[in-house]
């Protein structure tokens, strides 16, 4: 683990020098309610992008972000009975990040970050009583300082890629799946921004859910793992009905998302 308190980052460039859903969680009081929906992309953003969004809809180059990821400094942590609230800041602003806790137990045991440290947030935008926040599916420490620089590059790369895609569609050119990539939005840089993504399986999964998650997490394809490939991988161990149920659960909990269509999946940690 790199030293986040070192002088290398103790300057104006530290803590957010950025000039960067599945409705699986419980709705907070006053929050718009709706059924669980699949996320089709994860887009790296700056906090200001979220604050400037219209309602819960954030569009980057006219493309709606179903889930967002950003990097910043944890300024404050508040543990409650049903959730943990973080105040995260980058150089463009600060925002509340809420992580809901399922089941009983000590909320503190779910906290993976410390105040004053850099973290990466993955979640969806929510609005309660005109106050915008992020419902987090993951709040984790950075494992390397390279993630900060990589996130900067990702926020710019996504905009460039989306502009390129719009120009191609305007000219009537066919789109290549590898250029869309769902989180192919973050695809080429994902291994740098999340070097520890392959370490472990989310807690609370059944054996079937964990099996499907592991298969999806292992794919290196830009468009993710196709459902028929998952069926073939678990043939003799799971039926198609069990696979479909596991996929639906993993999507609703924010562990995976569909990419180019409803039958291709990637994990949010890939």
C-alpha atoms as a PDB file:
ATOM      1  CA  UNK A   1       0.000   0.000   0.000  1.00  0.00           C
ATOM      2  CA  UNK A   2       1.405   3.340  -0.949  1.00  0.00           C
ATOM      3  CA  UNK A   3       1.759   6.030   1.696  1.00  0.00           C
ATOM      4  CA  UNK A   4      -1.157   8.430   1.249  1.00  0.00           C
ATOM      5  CA  UNK A   5       0.161  10.788   3.897  1.00  0.00           C
ATOM      6  CA  UNK A   6       3.462  11.412   2.147  1.00  0.00           C
ATOM      7  CA  UNK A   7       4.545  14.885   1.110  1.00  0.00           C
ATOM      8  CA  UNK A   8       4.395  13.928  -2.549  1.00  0.00           C
ATOM      9  CA  UNK A   9       0.624  14.414  -2.422  1.00  0.00           C
ATOM     10  CA  UNK A  10       0.484  16.953   0.394  1.00  0.00           C
ATOM     11  CA  UNK A  11       0.209  19.927  -1.916  1.00  0.00           C
ATOM     12  CA  UNK A  12      -2.501  21.772  -3.866  1.00  0.00           C
ATOM     13  CA  UNK A  13      -2.504  18.890  -6.329  1.00  0.00           C
ATOM     14  CA  UNK A  14      -3.554  16.416  -3.642  1.00  0.00           C
ATOM     15  CA  UNK A  15      -7.003  15.262  -2.713  1.00  0.00           C
ATOM     16  CA  UNK A  16      -8.556  15.992  -6.057  1.00  0.00           C
ATOM     17  CA  UNK A  17      -6.649  18.006  -8.517  1.00  0.00           C
ATOM     18  CA  UNK A  18      -9.251  17.106 -11.086  1.00  0.00           C
ATOM     19  CA  UNK A  19     -10.123  20.041 -13.307  1.00  0.00           C
ATOM     20  CA  UNK A  20     -13.366  13.092 -12.330  1.00  0.00           C
ATOM     21  CA  UNK A  21     -28.278   2.067 -11.786  1.00  0.00           C
ATOM     22  CA  UNK A  22     -29.133  -0.551 -10.741  1.00  0.00           C
ATOM     23  CA  UNK A  23     -31.511   0.672  -8.105  1.00  0.00           C
ATOM     24  CA  UNK A  24     -30.268  -2.127  -5.920  1.00  0.00           C
ATOM     25  CA  UNK A  25     -30.084  -0.107  -2.704  1.00  0.00           C
ATOM     26  CA  UNK A  26     -32.971   0.988  -0.581  1.00  0.00           C
ATOM     27  CA  UNK A  27     -34.546   4.342  -1.518  1.00  0.00           C
ATOM     28  CA  UNK A  28     -34.007   7.023   1.072  1.00  0.00           C
ATOM     29  CA  UNK A  29     -36.957   9.083   2.364  1.00  0.00           C
ATOM     30  CA  UNK A  30     -38.103  11.527  -0.292  1.00  0.00           C
ATOM     31  CA  UNK A  31     -36.093   9.802  -3.005  1.00  0.00           C
ATOM     32  CA  UNK A  32     -37.732   8.904  -6.265  1.00  0.00           C
ATOM     33  CA  UNK A  33     -38.737   5.255  -6.233  1.00  0.00           C
ATOM     34  CA  UNK A  34     -38.627   2.776  -9.043  1.00  0.00           C
ATOM     35  CA  UNK A  35     -37.820  -0.794  -9.839  1.00  0.00           C
ATOM     36  CA  UNK A  36     -34.301  -2.071 -10.206  1.00  0.00           C
ATOM     37  CA  UNK A  37     -32.831  -1.338 -13.595  1.00  0.00           C
ATOM     38  CA  UNK A  38     -29.679  -2.472 -15.298  1.00  0.00           C
ATOM     39  CA  UNK A  39     -26.748  -0.174 -15.753  1.00  0.00           C
ATOM     40  CA  UNK A  40     -25.341  -0.190 -19.270  1.00  0.00           C
ATOM     41  CA  UNK A  41     -22.173   1.760 -18.614  1.00  0.00           C
ATOM     42  CA  UNK A  42     -19.878   3.137 -15.954  1.00  0.00           C
ATOM     43  CA  UNK A  43     -18.476   6.531 -16.864  1.00  0.00           C
ATOM     44  CA  UNK A  44     -15.542   8.201 -15.078  1.00  0.00           C
ATOM     45  CA  UNK A  45     -16.481  11.736 -14.068  1.00  0.00           C
ATOM     46  CA  UNK A  46     -15.545  14.735 -11.965  1.00  0.00           C
ATOM     47  CA  UNK A  47     -17.720  15.551  -8.957  1.00  0.00           C
ATOM     48  CA  UNK A  48     -18.708  18.835 -10.631  1.00  0.00           C
ATOM     49  CA  UNK A  49     -20.229  16.813 -13.477  1.00  0.00           C
ATOM     50  CA  UNK A  50     -22.566  15.177 -10.955  1.00  0.00           C
ATOM     51  CA  UNK A  51     -23.432  18.432  -9.211  1.00  0.00           C
ATOM     52  CA  UNK A  52     -24.258  20.088 -12.545  1.00  0.00           C
ATOM     53  CA  UNK A  53     -26.459  17.204 -13.730  1.00  0.00           C
ATOM     54  CA  UNK A  54     -30.174  17.724 -14.335  1.00  0.00           C
ATOM     55  CA  UNK A  55     -32.060  15.775 -11.650  1.00  0.00           C
ATOM     56  CA  UNK A  56     -30.618  12.256 -11.502  1.00  0.00           C
ATOM     57  CA  UNK A  57     -29.671  12.203 -15.162  1.00  0.00           C
ATOM     58  CA  UNK A  58     -26.032  12.912 -15.965  1.00  0.00           C
ATOM     59  CA  UNK A  59     -25.116  13.133 -19.624  1.00  0.00           C
ATOM     60  CA  UNK A  60     -21.553  13.184 -20.911  1.00  0.00           C
ATOM     61  CA  UNK A  61     -21.419  14.249 -24.562  1.00  0.00           C
ATOM     62  CA  UNK A  62     -25.174  13.489 -24.815  1.00  0.00           C
ATOM     63  CA  UNK A  63     -24.678   9.961 -23.456  1.00  0.00           C
ATOM     64  CA  UNK A  64     -26.492   9.181 -20.204  1.00  0.00           C
ATOM     65  CA  UNK A  65     -24.287   7.775 -17.449  1.00  0.00           C
ATOM     66  CA  UNK A  66     -26.076   4.902 -15.753  1.00  0.00           C
ATOM     67  CA  UNK A  67     -23.319   4.549 -13.174  1.00  0.00           C
ATOM     68  CA  UNK A  68     -20.364   6.797 -12.398  1.00  0.00           C
ATOM     69  CA  UNK A  69     -16.932   6.367 -10.907  1.00  0.00           C
ATOM     70  CA  UNK A  70     -14.722   9.088  -9.478  1.00  0.00           C
ATOM     71  CA  UNK A  71     -11.651   9.535  -7.299  1.00  0.00           C
ATOM     72  CA  UNK A  72     -11.310  11.952  -4.407  1.00  0.00           C
ATOM     73  CA  UNK A  73     -10.347  12.511  -0.791  1.00  0.00           C
ATOM     74  CA  UNK A  74     -12.529  11.272   2.056  1.00  0.00           C
ATOM     75  CA  UNK A  75     -13.210  14.354   4.180  1.00  0.00           C
ATOM     76  CA  UNK A  76     -15.719  12.910   6.619  1.00  0.00           C
ATOM     77  CA  UNK A  77     -17.273   9.555   7.512  1.00  0.00           C
ATOM     78  CA  UNK A  78     -20.538   9.239   9.434  1.00  0.00           C
ATOM     79  CA  UNK A  79     -21.788   5.811  10.445  1.00  0.00           C
ATOM     80  CA  UNK A  80     -25.522   5.291  10.974  1.00  0.00           C
ATOM     81  CA  UNK A  81     -27.631   2.252  11.742  1.00  0.00           C
ATOM     82  CA  UNK A  82     -28.608   1.547   8.144  1.00  0.00           C
ATOM     83  CA  UNK A  83     -25.915   3.287   6.111  1.00  0.00           C
ATOM     84  CA  UNK A  84     -22.505   4.901   6.045  1.00  0.00           C
ATOM     85  CA  UNK A  85     -22.212   8.452   4.730  1.00  0.00           C
ATOM     86  CA  UNK A  86     -18.967   9.783   3.245  1.00  0.00           C
ATOM     87  CA  UNK A  87     -18.109  13.311   2.188  1.00  0.00           C
ATOM     88  CA  UNK A  88     -15.752  13.013  -0.785  1.00  0.00           C
ATOM     89  CA  UNK A  89     -13.985  15.939  -2.450  1.00  0.00           C
ATOM     90  CA  UNK A  90     -12.011  16.417  -5.613  1.00  0.00           C
ATOM     91  CA  UNK A  91     -10.734  19.693  -7.038  1.00  0.00           C
ATOM     92  CA  UNK A  92     -14.094  20.394  -8.677  1.00  0.00           C
ATOM     93  CA  UNK A  93     -16.326  20.060  -5.618  1.00  0.00           C
ATOM     94  CA  UNK A  94     -17.544  17.763  -2.853  1.00  0.00           C
ATOM     95  CA  UNK A  95     -20.493  15.401  -2.600  1.00  0.00           C
ATOM     96  CA  UNK A  96     -22.145  13.056  -0.136  1.00  0.00           C
ATOM     97  CA  UNK A  97     -21.717   9.367  -0.870  1.00  0.00           C
ATOM     98  CA  UNK A  98     -24.168   6.993   0.845  1.00  0.00           C
ATOM     99  CA  UNK A  99     -23.542   3.273   1.152  1.00  0.00           C
ATOM    100  CA  UNK A 100     -26.517   1.289   2.428  1.00  0.00           C
ATOM    101  CA  UNK A 101     -25.920  -1.652   4.751  1.00  0.00           C
ATOM    102  CA  UNK A 102     -27.866  -4.859   4.364  1.00  0.00           C
ATOM    103  CA  UNK A 103     -28.597  -7.067   7.342  1.00  0.00           C
ATOM    104  CA  UNK A 104     -27.528  -6.582  10.919  1.00  0.00           C
ATOM    105  CA  UNK A 105     -24.110  -5.955  12.364  1.00  0.00           C
ATOM    106  CA  UNK A 106     -21.726  -3.143  13.112  1.00  0.00           C
ATOM    107  CA  UNK A 107     -21.825  -0.518  10.308  1.00  0.00           C
ATOM    108  CA  UNK A 108     -18.180   0.283  11.004  1.00  0.00           C
ATOM    109  CA  UNK A 109     -17.203  -3.167   9.736  1.00  0.00           C
ATOM    110  CA  UNK A 110     -18.315  -2.136   6.241  1.00  0.00           C
ATOM    111  CA  UNK A 111     -15.985   0.871   6.075  1.00  0.00           C
ATOM    112  CA  UNK A 112     -12.870   0.251   3.968  1.00  0.00           C
ATOM    113  CA  UNK A 113     -11.478   3.798   3.865  1.00  0.00           C
ATOM    114  CA  UNK A 114     -10.219   6.388   6.330  1.00  0.00           C
ATOM    115  CA  UNK A 115     -10.708  10.132   6.560  1.00  0.00           C
ATOM    116  CA  UNK A 116      -7.946  11.984   4.722  1.00  0.00           C
ATOM    117  CA  UNK A 117      -7.261   9.127   2.314  1.00  0.00           C
ATOM    118  CA  UNK A 118      -7.916   8.905  -1.406  1.00  0.00           C
ATOM    119  CA  UNK A 119     -10.725   6.602  -2.483  1.00  0.00           C
ATOM    120  CA  UNK A 120     -12.544   5.415  -5.576  1.00  0.00           C
ATOM    121  CA  UNK A 121     -16.344   5.499  -5.618  1.00  0.00           C
ATOM    122  CA  UNK A 122     -18.595   3.479  -7.929  1.00  0.00           C
ATOM    123  CA  UNK A 123     -22.292   4.238  -7.760  1.00  0.00           C
ATOM    124  CA  UNK A 124     -25.339   5.921  -9.200  1.00  0.00           C
ATOM    125  CA  UNK A 125     -26.650   9.464  -8.838  1.00  0.00           C
ATOM    126  CA  UNK A 126     -29.603  10.059  -6.541  1.00  0.00           C
ATOM    127  CA  UNK A 127     -31.535  13.131  -5.487  1.00  0.00           C
ATOM    128  CA  UNK A 128     -33.447  13.544  -2.232  1.00  0.00           C
ATOM    129  CA  UNK A 129     -35.344  16.747  -1.444  1.00  0.00           C
ATOM    130  CA  UNK A 130     -33.311  18.662  -4.063  1.00  0.00           C
ATOM    131  CA  UNK A 131     -30.064  17.438  -2.540  1.00  0.00           C
ATOM    132  CA  UNK A 132     -27.872  15.376  -4.826  1.00  0.00           C
ATOM    133  CA  UNK A 133     -25.764  12.468  -3.600  1.00  0.00           C
ATOM    134  CA  UNK A 134     -24.267   9.225  -4.872  1.00  0.00           C
ATOM    135  CA  UNK A 135     -25.616   5.841  -3.845  1.00  0.00           C
ATOM    136  CA  UNK A 136     -22.435   3.814  -3.691  1.00  0.00           C
ATOM    137  CA  UNK A 137     -21.963   0.207  -4.646  1.00  0.00           C
ATOM    138  CA  UNK A 138     -18.282   0.417  -3.753  1.00  0.00           C
ATOM    139  CA  UNK A 139     -16.099   2.837  -1.785  1.00  0.00           C
ATOM    140  CA  UNK A 140     -12.521   1.584  -1.695  1.00  0.00           C
ATOM    141  CA  UNK A 141      -9.014   2.815  -0.996  1.00  0.00           C
ATOM    142  CA  UNK A 142      -6.718   3.440  -3.923  1.00  0.00           C
ATOM    143  CA  UNK A 143      -3.934   0.901  -4.100  1.00  0.00           C
ATOM    144  CA  UNK A 144      -1.539   3.050  -6.095  1.00  0.00           C
ATOM    145  CA  UNK A 145      -1.066   6.738  -6.818  1.00  0.00           C
ATOM    146  CA  UNK A 146      -1.273   5.870 -10.519  1.00  0.00           C
ATOM    147  CA  UNK A 147      -5.049   5.565 -10.120  1.00  0.00           C
ATOM    148  CA  UNK A 148      -5.310   9.333  -9.637  1.00  0.00           C
ATOM    149  CA  UNK A 149      -3.530  10.128 -12.884  1.00  0.00           C
ATOM    150  CA  UNK A 150      -5.341   7.321 -14.675  1.00  0.00           C
ATOM    151  CA  UNK A 151      -8.712   8.689 -13.624  1.00  0.00           C
ATOM    152  CA  UNK A 152      -7.780  12.070 -15.044  1.00  0.00           C
ATOM    153  CA  UNK A 153      -6.945  10.444 -18.351  1.00  0.00           C
ATOM    154  CA  UNK A 154     -10.146   8.394 -18.305  1.00  0.00           C
ATOM    155  CA  UNK A 155     -12.416  11.411 -17.868  1.00  0.00           C
ATOM    156  CA  UNK A 156     -10.866  13.023 -20.945  1.00  0.00           C
ATOM    157  CA  UNK A 157     -10.624   9.808 -22.957  1.00  0.00           C
ATOM    158  CA  UNK A 158     -14.338   9.089 -22.488  1.00  0.00           C
ATOM    159  CA  UNK A 159     -15.345  12.493 -23.809  1.00  0.00           C
ATOM    160  CA  UNK A 160     -13.059  12.122 -26.799  1.00  0.00           C
ATOM    161  CA  UNK A 161     -14.390   8.622 -27.535  1.00  0.00           C
ATOM    162  CA  UNK A 162     -18.023   9.715 -27.245  1.00  0.00           C
ATOM    163  CA  UNK A 163     -17.448  12.667 -29.579  1.00  0.00           C
ATOM    164  CA  UNK A 164     -15.814  10.288 -32.043  1.00  0.00           C
ATOM    165  CA  UNK A 165     -18.777   7.909 -31.819  1.00  0.00           C
ATOM    166  CA  UNK A 166     -21.247  10.757 -32.433  1.00  0.00           C
ATOM    167  CA  UNK A 167     -19.326  11.842 -35.527  1.00  0.00           C
ATOM    168  CA  UNK A 168     -19.356   8.297 -36.890  1.00  0.00           C
ATOM    169  CA  UNK A 169     -23.082   7.921 -36.308  1.00  0.00           C
ATOM    170  CA  UNK A 170     -23.646  11.290 -37.949  1.00  0.00           C
ATOM    171  CA  UNK A 171     -21.813  10.035 -41.020  1.00  0.00           C
ATOM    172  CA  UNK A 172     -23.814   6.812 -41.006  1.00  0.00           C
ATOM    173  CA  UNK A 173     -20.780   4.638 -40.289  1.00  0.00           C
ATOM    174  CA  UNK A 174     -21.384   1.324 -38.472  1.00  0.00           C
ATOM    175  CA  UNK A 175     -20.248   1.206 -34.853  1.00  0.00           C
ATOM    176  CA  UNK A 176     -17.737  -1.406 -33.768  1.00  0.00           C
ATOM    177  CA  UNK A 177     -18.604  -3.134 -30.512  1.00  0.00           C
ATOM    178  CA  UNK A 178     -15.047  -2.688 -29.293  1.00  0.00           C
ATOM    179  CA  UNK A 179     -15.407   1.076 -29.539  1.00  0.00           C
ATOM    180  CA  UNK A 180     -18.567   1.105 -27.440  1.00  0.00           C
ATOM    181  CA  UNK A 181     -17.612  -1.299 -24.749  1.00  0.00           C
ATOM    182  CA  UNK A 182     -20.115  -0.348 -22.023  1.00  0.00           C
ATOM    183  CA  UNK A 183     -17.408   0.227 -19.552  1.00  0.00           C
ATOM    184  CA  UNK A 184     -15.311  -0.068 -22.622  1.00  0.00           C
ATOM    185  CA  UNK A 185     -15.839   3.545 -21.716  1.00  0.00           C
ATOM    186  CA  UNK A 186     -13.145   2.778 -19.207  1.00  0.00           C
ATOM    187  CA  UNK A 187     -11.894  -0.377 -20.869  1.00  0.00           C
ATOM    188  CA  UNK A 188      -8.387   0.478 -22.094  1.00  0.00           C
ATOM    189  CA  UNK A 189      -7.474   2.047 -18.772  1.00  0.00           C
ATOM    190  CA  UNK A 190      -9.425  -0.168 -16.406  1.00  0.00           C
ATOM    191  CA  UNK A 191      -6.500  -2.418 -15.542  1.00  0.00           C
ATOM    192  CA  UNK A 192      -4.485   0.609 -14.477  1.00  0.00           C
ATOM    193  CA  UNK A 193      -7.219   2.325 -12.525  1.00  0.00           C
ATOM    194  CA  UNK A 194      -8.223  -0.823 -10.639  1.00  0.00           C
ATOM    195  CA  UNK A 195      -5.233  -3.126 -10.330  1.00  0.00           C
ATOM    196  CA  UNK A 196      -6.754  -5.099  -7.488  1.00  0.00           C
ATOM    197  CA  UNK A 197     -10.042  -5.779  -9.248  1.00  0.00           C
ATOM    198  CA  UNK A 198      -9.491  -9.513  -9.451  1.00  0.00           C
ATOM    199  CA  UNK A 199      -8.933  -9.935  -5.723  1.00  0.00           C
ATOM    200  CA  UNK A 200     -11.941 -11.596  -4.183  1.00  0.00           C
ATOM    201  CA  UNK A 201     -15.673 -11.993  -4.624  1.00  0.00           C
ATOM    202  CA  UNK A 202     -18.262  -9.665  -3.062  1.00  0.00           C
ATOM    203  CA  UNK A 203     -19.633 -10.929   0.220  1.00  0.00           C
ATOM    204  CA  UNK A 204     -23.165 -12.178   0.661  1.00  0.00           C
ATOM    205  CA  UNK A 205     -23.378 -14.145  -2.604  1.00  0.00           C
ATOM    206  CA  UNK A 206     -24.788 -17.644  -2.874  1.00  0.00           C
ATOM    207  CA  UNK A 207     -22.645 -20.344  -4.448  1.00  0.00           C
ATOM    208  CA  UNK A 208     -24.478 -19.954  -7.776  1.00  0.00           C
ATOM    209  CA  UNK A 209     -24.175 -16.162  -7.739  1.00  0.00           C
ATOM    210  CA  UNK A 210     -20.477 -16.369  -6.865  1.00  0.00           C
ATOM    211  CA  UNK A 211     -19.884 -18.861  -9.691  1.00  0.00           C
ATOM    212  CA  UNK A 212     -21.513 -16.596 -12.278  1.00  0.00           C
ATOM    213  CA  UNK A 213     -19.748 -13.511 -10.916  1.00  0.00           C
ATOM    214  CA  UNK A 214     -16.344 -15.220 -11.115  1.00  0.00           C
ATOM    215  CA  UNK A 215     -16.915 -16.188 -14.749  1.00  0.00           C
ATOM    216  CA  UNK A 216     -17.955 -12.652 -15.722  1.00  0.00           C
ATOM    217  CA  UNK A 217     -15.132 -11.036 -13.763  1.00  0.00           C
ATOM    218  CA  UNK A 218     -12.551 -13.148 -15.578  1.00  0.00           C
ATOM    219  CA  UNK A 219     -13.471 -11.964 -19.069  1.00  0.00           C
ATOM    220  CA  UNK A 220     -11.100  -9.586 -20.847  1.00  0.00           C
ATOM    221  CA  UNK A 221     -13.439  -8.883 -23.779  1.00  0.00           C
ATOM    222  CA  UNK A 222     -14.354  -5.236 -24.307  1.00  0.00           C
ATOM    223  CA  UNK A 223     -18.025  -6.166 -24.683  1.00  0.00           C
ATOM    224  CA  UNK A 224     -18.029  -8.490 -21.677  1.00  0.00           C
ATOM    225  CA  UNK A 225     -19.219 -12.080 -21.303  1.00  0.00           C
ATOM    226  CA  UNK A 226     -22.125 -13.224 -23.478  1.00  0.00           C
ATOM    227  CA  UNK A 227     -24.926 -15.072 -21.704  1.00  0.00           C
ATOM    228  CA  UNK A 228     -24.634 -18.190 -23.844  1.00  0.00           C
ATOM    229  CA  UNK A 229     -20.964 -18.433 -22.859  1.00  0.00           C
ATOM    230  CA  UNK A 230     -21.982 -18.386 -19.214  1.00  0.00           C
ATOM    231  CA  UNK A 231     -24.523 -21.145 -19.868  1.00  0.00           C
ATOM    232  CA  UNK A 232     -21.791 -23.263 -21.466  1.00  0.00           C
ATOM    233  CA  UNK A 233     -19.312 -22.554 -18.653  1.00  0.00           C
ATOM    234  CA  UNK A 234     -21.657 -23.846 -15.949  1.00  0.00           C
ATOM    235  CA  UNK A 235     -23.248 -26.663 -17.939  1.00  0.00           C
ATOM    236  CA  UNK A 236     -23.902 -29.590 -15.629  1.00  0.00           C
ATOM    237  CA  UNK A 237     -23.551 -27.377 -12.538  1.00  0.00           C
ATOM    238  CA  UNK A 238     -26.332 -24.829 -13.052  1.00  0.00           C
ATOM    239  CA  UNK A 239     -29.426 -24.641 -15.201  1.00  0.00           C
ATOM    240  CA  UNK A 240     -30.283 -21.664 -17.390  1.00  0.00           C
ATOM    241  CA  UNK A 241     -32.963 -20.574 -14.957  1.00  0.00           C
ATOM    242  CA  UNK A 242     -30.431 -20.435 -12.105  1.00  0.00           C
ATOM    243  CA  UNK A 243     -27.998 -18.488 -14.308  1.00  0.00           C
ATOM    244  CA  UNK A 244     -30.696 -15.973 -15.248  1.00  0.00           C
ATOM    245  CA  UNK A 245     -31.652 -15.518 -11.591  1.00  0.00           C
ATOM    246  CA  UNK A 246     -28.010 -14.993 -10.615  1.00  0.00           C
ATOM    247  CA  UNK A 247     -27.518 -12.449 -13.411  1.00  0.00           C
ATOM    248  CA  UNK A 248     -30.608 -10.522 -12.356  1.00  0.00           C
ATOM    249  CA  UNK A 249     -29.451 -10.426  -8.731  1.00  0.00           C
ATOM    250  CA  UNK A 250     -25.892  -9.377  -9.598  1.00  0.00           C
ATOM    251  CA  UNK A 251     -27.206  -6.601 -11.866  1.00  0.00           C
ATOM    252  CA  UNK A 252     -29.651  -5.281  -9.290  1.00  0.00           C
ATOM    253  CA  UNK A 253     -26.939  -5.216  -6.620  1.00  0.00           C
ATOM    254  CA  UNK A 254     -24.489  -3.352  -8.856  1.00  0.00           C
ATOM    255  CA  UNK A 255     -21.922  -6.149  -9.060  1.00  0.00           C
ATOM    256  CA  UNK A 256     -22.268  -6.474 -12.844  1.00  0.00           C
ATOM    257  CA  UNK A 257     -23.880  -4.496 -15.667  1.00  0.00           C
ATOM    258  CA  UNK A 258     -24.947  -5.174 -19.230  1.00  0.00           C
ATOM    259  CA  UNK A 259     -22.879  -3.594 -22.005  1.00  0.00           C
ATOM    260  CA  UNK A 260     -23.657  -3.578 -25.736  1.00  0.00           C
ATOM    261  CA  UNK A 261     -26.962  -5.412 -25.246  1.00  0.00           C
ATOM    262  CA  UNK A 262     -28.990  -7.229 -22.587  1.00  0.00           C
ATOM    263  CA  UNK A 263     -26.966 -10.438 -23.033  1.00  0.00           C
ATOM    264  CA  UNK A 264     -23.402  -9.153 -22.500  1.00  0.00           C
ATOM    265  CA  UNK A 265     -22.116  -8.538 -18.995  1.00  0.00           C
ATOM    266  CA  UNK A 266     -19.061  -7.117 -17.249  1.00  0.00           C
ATOM    267  CA  UNK A 267     -18.299  -6.793 -13.549  1.00  0.00           C
ATOM    268  CA  UNK A 268     -18.036  -3.345 -11.999  1.00  0.00           C
ATOM    269  CA  UNK A 269     -14.585  -4.355 -10.738  1.00  0.00           C
ATOM    270  CA  UNK A 270     -13.228  -5.243 -14.186  1.00  0.00           C
END
